[in-house]
Amino acid sequence: MTDDTLVGGLRCSQVLENLSAYIDGELNEKIIQSVALHLEACPRCEKFGSEFAAFIFAVKESDYAKLSLPLAVSSRLNETLQSLKPND
């Protein structure tokens, strides 16, 4: 990331690394506060974070098989998911 701004004790790259766990409530209170401070003060991360959160909530509330993703995104997602499967 070329503009890795330090806000709230975290850099943009650190917020992105923790964003999924932040949305899922899986972080300790100190990190939650730091991510929240960063998101409040960094317009770029706030925009991405809110769009990412909206997508995650939409997936959780819908039948994800019916979501229409661009082929390139779908292919990358499938490859990643396949690589995460335990070996039989």
PDB file of N, CA and C in Angstrom:
ATOM      1  N   MET A   1       0.847  -1.166   0.000  1.00  0.00           N
ATOM      2  CA  MET A   1       0.000   0.000   0.000  1.00  0.00           C
ATOM      3  C   MET A   1       0.899   1.237   0.000  1.00  0.00           C
ATOM      4  N   THR A   2       0.679   2.123  -0.947  1.00  0.00           N
ATOM      5  CA  THR A   2       1.557   3.270  -1.096  1.00  0.00           C
ATOM      6  C   THR A   2       1.315   4.349  -0.049  1.00  0.00           C
ATOM      7  N   ASP A   3       0.083   4.521   0.394  1.00  0.00           N
ATOM      8  CA  ASP A   3      -0.241   5.548   1.374  1.00  0.00           C
ATOM      9  C   ASP A   3      -0.720   4.873   2.656  1.00  0.00           C
ATOM     10  N   ASP A   4       0.198   4.270   3.382  1.00  0.00           N
ATOM     11  CA  ASP A   4      -0.093   3.481   4.578  1.00  0.00           C
ATOM     12  C   ASP A   4      -0.096   4.414   5.794  1.00  0.00           C
ATOM     13  N   THR A   5      -1.202   5.112   5.992  1.00  0.00           N
ATOM     14  CA  THR A   5      -1.334   6.146   7.004  1.00  0.00           C
ATOM     15  C   THR A   5      -1.450   5.556   8.410  1.00  0.00           C
ATOM     16  N   LEU A   6      -0.768   6.184   9.360  1.00  0.00           N
ATOM     17  CA  LEU A   6      -0.849   5.800  10.762  1.00  0.00           C
ATOM     18  C   LEU A   6      -1.901   6.660  11.444  1.00  0.00           C
ATOM     19  N   VAL A   7      -2.996   6.034  11.890  1.00  0.00           N
ATOM     20  CA  VAL A   7      -4.089   6.721  12.578  1.00  0.00           C
ATOM     21  C   VAL A   7      -4.595   5.798  13.687  1.00  0.00           C
ATOM     22  N   GLY A   8      -4.805   6.332  14.869  1.00  0.00           N
ATOM     23  CA  GLY A   8      -5.338   5.536  15.970  1.00  0.00           C
ATOM     24  C   GLY A   8      -4.402   4.434  16.431  1.00  0.00           C
ATOM     25  N   GLY A   9      -3.115   4.593  16.130  1.00  0.00           N
ATOM     26  CA  GLY A   9      -2.135   3.598  16.537  1.00  0.00           C
ATOM     27  C   GLY A   9      -1.959   2.459  15.554  1.00  0.00           C
ATOM     28  N   LEU A  10      -2.712   2.477  14.455  1.00  0.00           N
ATOM     29  CA  LEU A  10      -2.603   1.432  13.436  1.00  0.00           C
ATOM     30  C   LEU A  10      -2.404   2.046  12.057  1.00  0.00           C
ATOM     31  N   ARG A  11      -1.672   1.352  11.227  1.00  0.00           N
ATOM     32  CA  ARG A  11      -1.524   1.732   9.822  1.00  0.00           C
ATOM     33  C   ARG A  11      -2.682   1.134   9.023  1.00  0.00           C
ATOM     34  N   CYS A  12      -2.942   1.710   7.863  1.00  0.00           N
ATOM     35  CA  CYS A  12      -4.019   1.210   6.999  1.00  0.00           C
ATOM     36  C   CYS A  12      -3.858  -0.286   6.740  1.00  0.00           C
ATOM     37  N   SER A  13      -2.642  -0.731   6.465  1.00  0.00           N
ATOM     38  CA  SER A  13      -2.408  -2.142   6.185  1.00  0.00           C
ATOM     39  C   SER A  13      -2.777  -3.024   7.382  1.00  0.00           C
ATOM     40  N   GLN A  14      -2.547  -2.532   8.594  1.00  0.00           N
ATOM     41  CA  GLN A  14      -2.908  -3.292   9.793  1.00  0.00           C
ATOM     42  C   GLN A  14      -4.420  -3.361   9.970  1.00  0.00           C
ATOM     43  N   VAL A  15      -5.112  -2.290   9.632  1.00  0.00           N
ATOM     44  CA  VAL A  15      -6.571  -2.290   9.700  1.00  0.00           C
ATOM     45  C   VAL A  15      -7.115  -3.304   8.700  1.00  0.00           C
ATOM     46  N   LEU A  16      -6.586  -3.316   7.489  1.00  0.00           N
ATOM     47  CA  LEU A  16      -7.051  -4.270   6.487  1.00  0.00           C
ATOM     48  C   LEU A  16      -6.812  -5.707   6.927  1.00  0.00           C
ATOM     49  N   GLU A  17      -5.680  -5.961   7.577  1.00  0.00           N
ATOM     50  CA  GLU A  17      -5.381  -7.308   8.069  1.00  0.00           C
ATOM     51  C   GLU A  17      -6.381  -7.755   9.130  1.00  0.00           C
ATOM     52  N   ASN A  18      -6.904  -6.812   9.904  1.00  0.00           N
ATOM     53  CA  ASN A  18      -7.794  -7.131  11.019  1.00  0.00           C
ATOM     54  C   ASN A  18      -9.269  -6.878  10.733  1.00  0.00           C
ATOM     55  N   LEU A  19      -9.597  -6.418   9.539  1.00  0.00           N
ATOM     56  CA  LEU A  19     -10.958  -5.973   9.252  1.00  0.00           C
ATOM     57  C   LEU A  19     -11.993  -7.085   9.387  1.00  0.00           C
ATOM     58  N   SER A  20     -11.715  -8.239   8.869  1.00  0.00           N
ATOM     59  CA  SER A  20     -12.673  -9.345   8.957  1.00  0.00           C
ATOM     60  C   SER A  20     -12.916  -9.744  10.406  1.00  0.00           C
ATOM     61  N   ALA A  21     -11.844  -9.883  11.176  1.00  0.00           N
ATOM     62  CA  ALA A  21     -11.980 -10.242  12.589  1.00  0.00           C
ATOM     63  C   ALA A  21     -12.686  -9.117  13.360  1.00  0.00           C
ATOM     64  N   TYR A  22     -12.452  -7.870  12.973  1.00  0.00           N
ATOM     65  CA  TYR A  22     -13.125  -6.724  13.598  1.00  0.00           C
ATOM     66  C   TYR A  22     -14.632  -6.812  13.368  1.00  0.00           C
ATOM     67  N   ILE A  23     -15.022  -7.074  12.145  1.00  0.00           N
ATOM     68  CA  ILE A  23     -16.439  -7.181  11.799  1.00  0.00           C
ATOM     69  C   ILE A  23     -17.086  -8.339  12.545  1.00  0.00           C
ATOM     70  N   ASP A  24     -16.355  -9.431  12.695  1.00  0.00           N
ATOM     71  CA  ASP A  24     -16.880 -10.622  13.365  1.00  0.00           C
ATOM     72  C   ASP A  24     -16.763 -10.551  14.880  1.00  0.00           C
ATOM     73  N   GLY A  25     -16.188  -9.470  15.427  1.00  0.00           N
ATOM     74  CA  GLY A  25     -16.056  -9.313  16.870  1.00  0.00           C
ATOM     75  C   GLY A  25     -15.058 -10.269  17.495  1.00  0.00           C
ATOM     76  N   GLU A  26     -14.005 -10.607  16.755  1.00  0.00           N
ATOM     77  CA  GLU A  26     -13.033 -11.597  17.216  1.00  0.00           C
ATOM     78  C   GLU A  26     -11.733 -10.988  17.748  1.00  0.00           C
ATOM     79  N   LEU A  27     -11.699  -9.683  17.938  1.00  0.00           N
ATOM     80  CA  LEU A  27     -10.475  -9.020  18.402  1.00  0.00           C
ATOM     81  C   LEU A  27     -10.598  -8.629  19.866  1.00  0.00           C
ATOM     82  N   ASN A  28      -9.445  -8.433  20.500  1.00  0.00           N
ATOM     83  CA  ASN A  28      -9.489  -7.950  21.883  1.00  0.00           C
ATOM     84  C   ASN A  28      -9.883  -6.476  21.883  1.00  0.00           C
ATOM     85  N   GLU A  29     -10.309  -5.994  23.050  1.00  0.00           N
ATOM     86  CA  GLU A  29     -10.861  -4.640  23.162  1.00  0.00           C
ATOM     87  C   GLU A  29      -9.885  -3.558  22.707  1.00  0.00           C
ATOM     88  N   LYS A  30      -8.610  -3.723  23.009  1.00  0.00           N
ATOM     89  CA  LYS A  30      -7.617  -2.708  22.628  1.00  0.00           C
ATOM     90  C   LYS A  30      -7.534  -2.575  21.101  1.00  0.00           C
ATOM     91  N   ILE A  31      -7.493  -3.694  20.402  1.00  0.00           N
ATOM     92  CA  ILE A  31      -7.418  -3.657  18.936  1.00  0.00           C
ATOM     93  C   ILE A  31      -8.727  -3.133  18.351  1.00  0.00           C
ATOM     94  N   ILE A  32      -9.851  -3.523  18.938  1.00  0.00           N
ATOM     95  CA  ILE A  32     -11.147  -3.020  18.469  1.00  0.00           C
ATOM     96  C   ILE A  32     -11.165  -1.494  18.531  1.00  0.00           C
ATOM     97  N   GLN A  33     -10.705  -0.934  19.644  1.00  0.00           N
ATOM     98  CA  GLN A  33     -10.685   0.525  19.797  1.00  0.00           C
ATOM     99  C   GLN A  33      -9.743   1.175  18.783  1.00  0.00           C
ATOM    100  N   SER A  34      -8.591   0.563  18.549  1.00  0.00           N
ATOM    101  CA  SER A  34      -7.635   1.122  17.589  1.00  0.00           C
ATOM    102  C   SER A  34      -8.186   1.085  16.175  1.00  0.00           C
ATOM    103  N   VAL A  35      -8.817  -0.028  15.799  1.00  0.00           N
ATOM    104  CA  VAL A  35      -9.417  -0.132  14.461  1.00  0.00           C
ATOM    105  C   VAL A  35     -10.535   0.896  14.322  1.00  0.00           C
ATOM    106  N   ALA A  36     -11.381   1.000  15.339  1.00  0.00           N
ATOM    107  CA  ALA A  36     -12.489   1.963  15.294  1.00  0.00           C
ATOM    108  C   ALA A  36     -11.971   3.394  15.152  1.00  0.00           C
ATOM    109  N   LEU A  37     -10.942   3.753  15.913  1.00  0.00           N
ATOM    110  CA  LEU A  37     -10.356   5.092  15.801  1.00  0.00           C
ATOM    111  C   LEU A  37      -9.807   5.337  14.400  1.00  0.00           C
ATOM    112  N   HIS A  38      -9.125   4.339  13.861  1.00  0.00           N
ATOM    113  CA  HIS A  38      -8.562   4.472  12.527  1.00  0.00           C
ATOM    114  C   HIS A  38      -9.682   4.661  11.507  1.00  0.00           C
ATOM    115  N   LEU A  39     -10.713   3.832  11.578  1.00  0.00           N
ATOM    116  CA  LEU A  39     -11.811   3.924  10.615  1.00  0.00           C
ATOM    117  C   LEU A  39     -12.526   5.269  10.697  1.00  0.00           C
ATOM    118  N   GLU A  40     -12.640   5.826  11.895  1.00  0.00           N
ATOM    119  CA  GLU A  40     -13.289   7.129  12.058  1.00  0.00           C
ATOM    120  C   GLU A  40     -12.474   8.257  11.436  1.00  0.00           C
ATOM    121  N   ALA A  41     -11.144   8.126  11.458  1.00  0.00           N
ATOM    122  CA  ALA A  41     -10.279   9.231  11.028  1.00  0.00           C
ATOM    123  C   ALA A  41      -9.680   9.068   9.634  1.00  0.00           C
ATOM    124  N   CYS A  42      -9.785   7.891   9.059  1.00  0.00           N
ATOM    125  CA  CYS A  42      -9.189   7.636   7.743  1.00  0.00           C
ATOM    126  C   CYS A  42     -10.305   7.409   6.722  1.00  0.00           C
ATOM    127  N   PRO A  43     -10.609   8.403   5.900  1.00  0.00           N
ATOM    128  CA  PRO A  43     -11.722   8.289   4.956  1.00  0.00           C
ATOM    129  C   PRO A  43     -11.599   7.101   3.998  1.00  0.00           C
ATOM    130  N   ARG A  44     -10.384   6.818   3.560  1.00  0.00           N
ATOM    131  CA  ARG A  44     -10.186   5.717   2.613  1.00  0.00           C
ATOM    132  C   ARG A  44     -10.513   4.370   3.262  1.00  0.00           C
ATOM    133  N   CYS A  45     -10.019   4.153   4.475  1.00  0.00           N
ATOM    134  CA  CYS A  45     -10.292   2.894   5.172  1.00  0.00           C
ATOM    135  C   CYS A  45     -11.755   2.815   5.609  1.00  0.00           C
ATOM    136  N   GLU A  46     -12.329   3.949   5.989  1.00  0.00           N
ATOM    137  CA  GLU A  46     -13.738   3.965   6.378  1.00  0.00           C
ATOM    138  C   GLU A  46     -14.604   3.556   5.202  1.00  0.00           C
ATOM    139  N   LYS A  47     -14.301   4.090   4.017  1.00  0.00           N
ATOM    140  CA  LYS A  47     -15.074   3.752   2.823  1.00  0.00           C
ATOM    141  C   LYS A  47     -14.939   2.270   2.496  1.00  0.00           C
ATOM    142  N   PHE A  48     -13.704   1.789   2.453  1.00  0.00           N
ATOM    143  CA  PHE A  48     -13.497   0.378   2.144  1.00  0.00           C
ATOM    144  C   PHE A  48     -14.114  -0.504   3.225  1.00  0.00           C
ATOM    145  N   GLY A  49     -13.909  -0.133   4.492  1.00  0.00           N
ATOM    146  CA  GLY A  49     -14.430  -0.928   5.599  1.00  0.00           C
ATOM    147  C   GLY A  49     -15.940  -1.027   5.590  1.00  0.00           C
ATOM    148  N   SER A  50     -16.620   0.075   5.314  1.00  0.00           N
ATOM    149  CA  SER A  50     -18.087   0.032   5.286  1.00  0.00           C
ATOM    150  C   SER A  50     -18.600  -0.783   4.110  1.00  0.00           C
ATOM    151  N   GLU A  51     -17.936  -0.676   2.952  1.00  0.00           N
ATOM    152  CA  GLU A  51     -18.338  -1.482   1.796  1.00  0.00           C
ATOM    153  C   GLU A  51     -18.071  -2.970   2.045  1.00  0.00           C
ATOM    154  N   PHE A  52     -16.929  -3.273   2.653  1.00  0.00           N
ATOM    155  CA  PHE A  52     -16.581  -4.654   2.971  1.00  0.00           C
ATOM    156  C   PHE A  52     -17.568  -5.236   3.978  1.00  0.00           C
ATOM    157  N   ALA A  53     -17.884  -4.464   5.021  1.00  0.00           N
ATOM    158  CA  ALA A  53     -18.835  -4.919   6.036  1.00  0.00           C
ATOM    159  C   ALA A  53     -20.211  -5.158   5.419  1.00  0.00           C
ATOM    160  N   ALA A  54     -20.656  -4.250   4.553  1.00  0.00           N
ATOM    161  CA  ALA A  54     -21.955  -4.422   3.901  1.00  0.00           C
ATOM    162  C   ALA A  54     -21.977  -5.697   3.065  1.00  0.00           C
ATOM    163  N   PHE A  55     -20.887  -5.978   2.369  1.00  0.00           N
ATOM    164  CA  PHE A  55     -20.811  -7.192   1.565  1.00  0.00           C
ATOM    165  C   PHE A  55     -20.856  -8.432   2.457  1.00  0.00           C
ATOM    166  N   ILE A  56     -20.080  -8.428   3.542  1.00  0.00           N
ATOM    167  CA  ILE A  56     -20.046  -9.570   4.460  1.00  0.00           C
ATOM    168  C   ILE A  56     -21.428  -9.823   5.047  1.00  0.00           C
ATOM    169  N   PHE A  57     -22.097  -8.777   5.498  1.00  0.00           N
ATOM    170  CA  PHE A  57     -23.431  -8.939   6.073  1.00  0.00           C
ATOM    171  C   PHE A  57     -24.426  -9.434   5.023  1.00  0.00           C
ATOM    172  N   ALA A  58     -24.292  -8.951   3.790  1.00  0.00           N
ATOM    173  CA  ALA A  58     -25.181  -9.412   2.716  1.00  0.00           C
ATOM    174  C   ALA A  58     -24.961 -10.896   2.434  1.00  0.00           C
ATOM    175  N   VAL A  59     -23.719 -11.322   2.448  1.00  0.00           N
ATOM    176  CA  VAL A  59     -23.413 -12.739   2.218  1.00  0.00           C
ATOM    177  C   VAL A  59     -23.994 -13.587   3.345  1.00  0.00           C
ATOM    178  N   LYS A  60     -23.826 -13.126   4.581  1.00  0.00           N
ATOM    179  CA  LYS A  60     -24.333 -13.888   5.730  1.00  0.00           C
ATOM    180  C   LYS A  60     -25.855 -13.991   5.719  1.00  0.00           C
ATOM    181  N   GLU A  61     -26.522 -12.981   5.187  1.00  0.00           N
ATOM    182  CA  GLU A  61     -27.984 -12.956   5.194  1.00  0.00           C
ATOM    183  C   GLU A  61     -28.616 -13.567   3.956  1.00  0.00           C
ATOM    184  N   SER A  62     -27.832 -13.907   2.965  1.00  0.00           N
ATOM    185  CA  SER A  62     -28.414 -14.407   1.728  1.00  0.00           C
ATOM    186  C   SER A  62     -27.847 -15.770   1.377  1.00  0.00           C
ATOM    187  N   ASP A  63     -28.352 -16.290   0.316  1.00  0.00           N
ATOM    188  CA  ASP A  63     -27.837 -17.537  -0.226  1.00  0.00           C
ATOM    189  C   ASP A  63     -26.635 -17.170  -1.094  1.00  0.00           C
ATOM    190  N   TYR A  64     -25.433 -17.359  -0.547  1.00  0.00           N
ATOM    191  CA  TYR A  64     -24.231 -16.900  -1.242  1.00  0.00           C
ATOM    192  C   TYR A  64     -24.072 -17.527  -2.622  1.00  0.00           C
ATOM    193  N   ALA A  65     -24.665 -18.657  -2.851  1.00  0.00           N
ATOM    194  CA  ALA A  65     -24.563 -19.305  -4.162  1.00  0.00           C
ATOM    195  C   ALA A  65     -25.259 -18.477  -5.239  1.00  0.00           C
ATOM    196  N   LYS A  66     -26.174 -17.592  -4.835  1.00  0.00           N
ATOM    197  CA  LYS A  66     -26.903 -16.770  -5.805  1.00  0.00           C
ATOM    198  C   LYS A  66     -26.213 -15.443  -6.086  1.00  0.00           C
ATOM    199  N   LEU A  67     -25.115 -15.151  -5.371  1.00  0.00           N
ATOM    200  CA  LEU A  67     -24.403 -13.903  -5.607  1.00  0.00           C
ATOM    201  C   LEU A  67     -23.711 -13.945  -6.959  1.00  0.00           C
ATOM    202  N   SER A  68     -23.750 -12.831  -7.636  1.00  0.00           N
ATOM    203  CA  SER A  68     -23.122 -12.725  -8.939  1.00  0.00           C
ATOM    204  C   SER A  68     -21.794 -11.979  -8.802  1.00  0.00           C
ATOM    205  N   LEU A  69     -20.709 -12.713  -8.949  1.00  0.00           N
ATOM    206  CA  LEU A  69     -19.380 -12.118  -8.873  1.00  0.00           C
ATOM    207  C   LEU A  69     -18.740 -12.117 -10.245  1.00  0.00           C
ATOM    208  N   PRO A  70     -17.884 -11.159 -10.522  1.00  0.00           N
ATOM    209  CA  PRO A  70     -17.134 -11.201 -11.777  1.00  0.00           C
ATOM    210  C   PRO A  70     -16.324 -12.499 -11.841  1.00  0.00           C
ATOM    211  N   LEU A  71     -16.154 -13.030 -13.020  1.00  0.00           N
ATOM    212  CA  LEU A  71     -15.478 -14.318 -13.204  1.00  0.00           C
ATOM    213  C   LEU A  71     -14.089 -14.326 -12.574  1.00  0.00           C
ATOM    214  N   ALA A  72     -13.327 -13.261 -12.726  1.00  0.00           N
ATOM    215  CA  ALA A  72     -11.976 -13.215 -12.157  1.00  0.00           C
ATOM    216  C   ALA A  72     -12.019 -13.317 -10.631  1.00  0.00           C
ATOM    217  N   VAL A  73     -12.971 -12.635 -10.010  1.00  0.00           N
ATOM    218  CA  VAL A  73     -13.102 -12.676  -8.553  1.00  0.00           C
ATOM    219  C   VAL A  73     -13.556 -14.062  -8.117  1.00  0.00           C
ATOM    220  N   SER A  74     -14.533 -14.591  -8.809  1.00  0.00           N
ATOM    221  CA  SER A  74     -15.037 -15.929  -8.491  1.00  0.00           C
ATOM    222  C   SER A  74     -13.933 -16.977  -8.608  1.00  0.00           C
ATOM    223  N   SER A  75     -13.134 -16.891  -9.641  1.00  0.00           N
ATOM    224  CA  SER A  75     -12.039 -17.849  -9.846  1.00  0.00           C
ATOM    225  C   SER A  75     -11.020 -17.750  -8.716  1.00  0.00           C
ATOM    226  N   ARG A  76     -10.631 -16.525  -8.361  1.00  0.00           N
ATOM    227  CA  ARG A  76      -9.662 -16.346  -7.266  1.00  0.00           C
ATOM    228  C   ARG A  76     -10.221 -16.848  -5.947  1.00  0.00           C
ATOM    229  N   LEU A  77     -11.493 -16.584  -5.700  1.00  0.00           N
ATOM    230  CA  LEU A  77     -12.125 -17.042  -4.471  1.00  0.00           C
ATOM    231  C   LEU A  77     -12.148 -18.564  -4.412  1.00  0.00           C
ATOM    232  N   ASN A  78     -12.533 -19.197  -5.508  1.00  0.00           N
ATOM    233  CA  ASN A  78     -12.556 -20.663  -5.552  1.00  0.00           C
ATOM    234  C   ASN A  78     -11.170 -21.257  -5.364  1.00  0.00           C
ATOM    235  N   GLU A  79     -10.162 -20.670  -5.985  1.00  0.00           N
ATOM    236  CA  GLU A  79      -8.782 -21.154  -5.825  1.00  0.00           C
ATOM    237  C   GLU A  79      -8.334 -21.034  -4.368  1.00  0.00           C
ATOM    238  N   THR A  80      -8.654 -19.910  -3.755  1.00  0.00           N
ATOM    239  CA  THR A  80      -8.273 -19.703  -2.354  1.00  0.00           C
ATOM    240  C   THR A  80      -8.969 -20.699  -1.453  1.00  0.00           C
ATOM    241  N   LEU A  81     -10.277 -20.879  -1.662  1.00  0.00           N
ATOM    242  CA  LEU A  81     -11.009 -21.837  -0.846  1.00  0.00           C
ATOM    243  C   LEU A  81     -10.498 -23.257  -1.024  1.00  0.00           C
ATOM    244  N   GLN A  82     -10.143 -23.622  -2.242  1.00  0.00           N
ATOM    245  CA  GLN A  82      -9.590 -24.959  -2.489  1.00  0.00           C
ATOM    246  C   GLN A  82      -8.260 -25.137  -1.777  1.00  0.00           C
ATOM    247  N   SER A  83      -7.443 -24.095  -1.748  1.00  0.00           N
ATOM    248  CA  SER A  83      -6.136 -24.201  -1.097  1.00  0.00           C
ATOM    249  C   SER A  83      -6.261 -24.314   0.420  1.00  0.00           C
ATOM    250  N   LEU A  84      -7.386 -23.888   0.967  1.00  0.00           N
ATOM    251  CA  LEU A  84      -7.609 -23.945   2.410  1.00  0.00           C
ATOM    252  C   LEU A  84      -8.191 -25.282   2.888  1.00  0.00           C
ATOM    253  N   LYS A  85      -8.664 -26.092   1.942  1.00  0.00           N
ATOM    254  CA  LYS A  85      -9.242 -27.385   2.317  1.00  0.00           C
ATOM    255  C   LYS A  85      -8.152 -28.287   2.862  1.00  0.00           C
ATOM    256  N   PRO A  86      -8.463 -29.004   3.949  1.00  0.00           N
ATOM    257  CA  PRO A  86      -7.462 -29.947   4.461  1.00  0.00           C
ATOM    258  C   PRO A  86      -7.245 -31.087   3.473  1.00  0.00           C
ATOM    259  N   ASN A  87      -6.024 -31.562   3.421  1.00  0.00           N
ATOM    260  CA  ASN A  87      -5.724 -32.694   2.537  1.00  0.00           C
ATOM    261  C   ASN A  87      -6.354 -33.960   3.100  1.00  0.00           C
ATOM    262  N   ASP A  88      -6.966 -34.735   2.235  1.00  0.00           N
ATOM    263  CA  ASP A  88      -7.583 -36.007   2.661  1.00  0.00           C
ATOM    264  C   ASP A  88      -6.576 -37.101   2.782  1.00  0.00           C
TER     265      ASP A  88
END
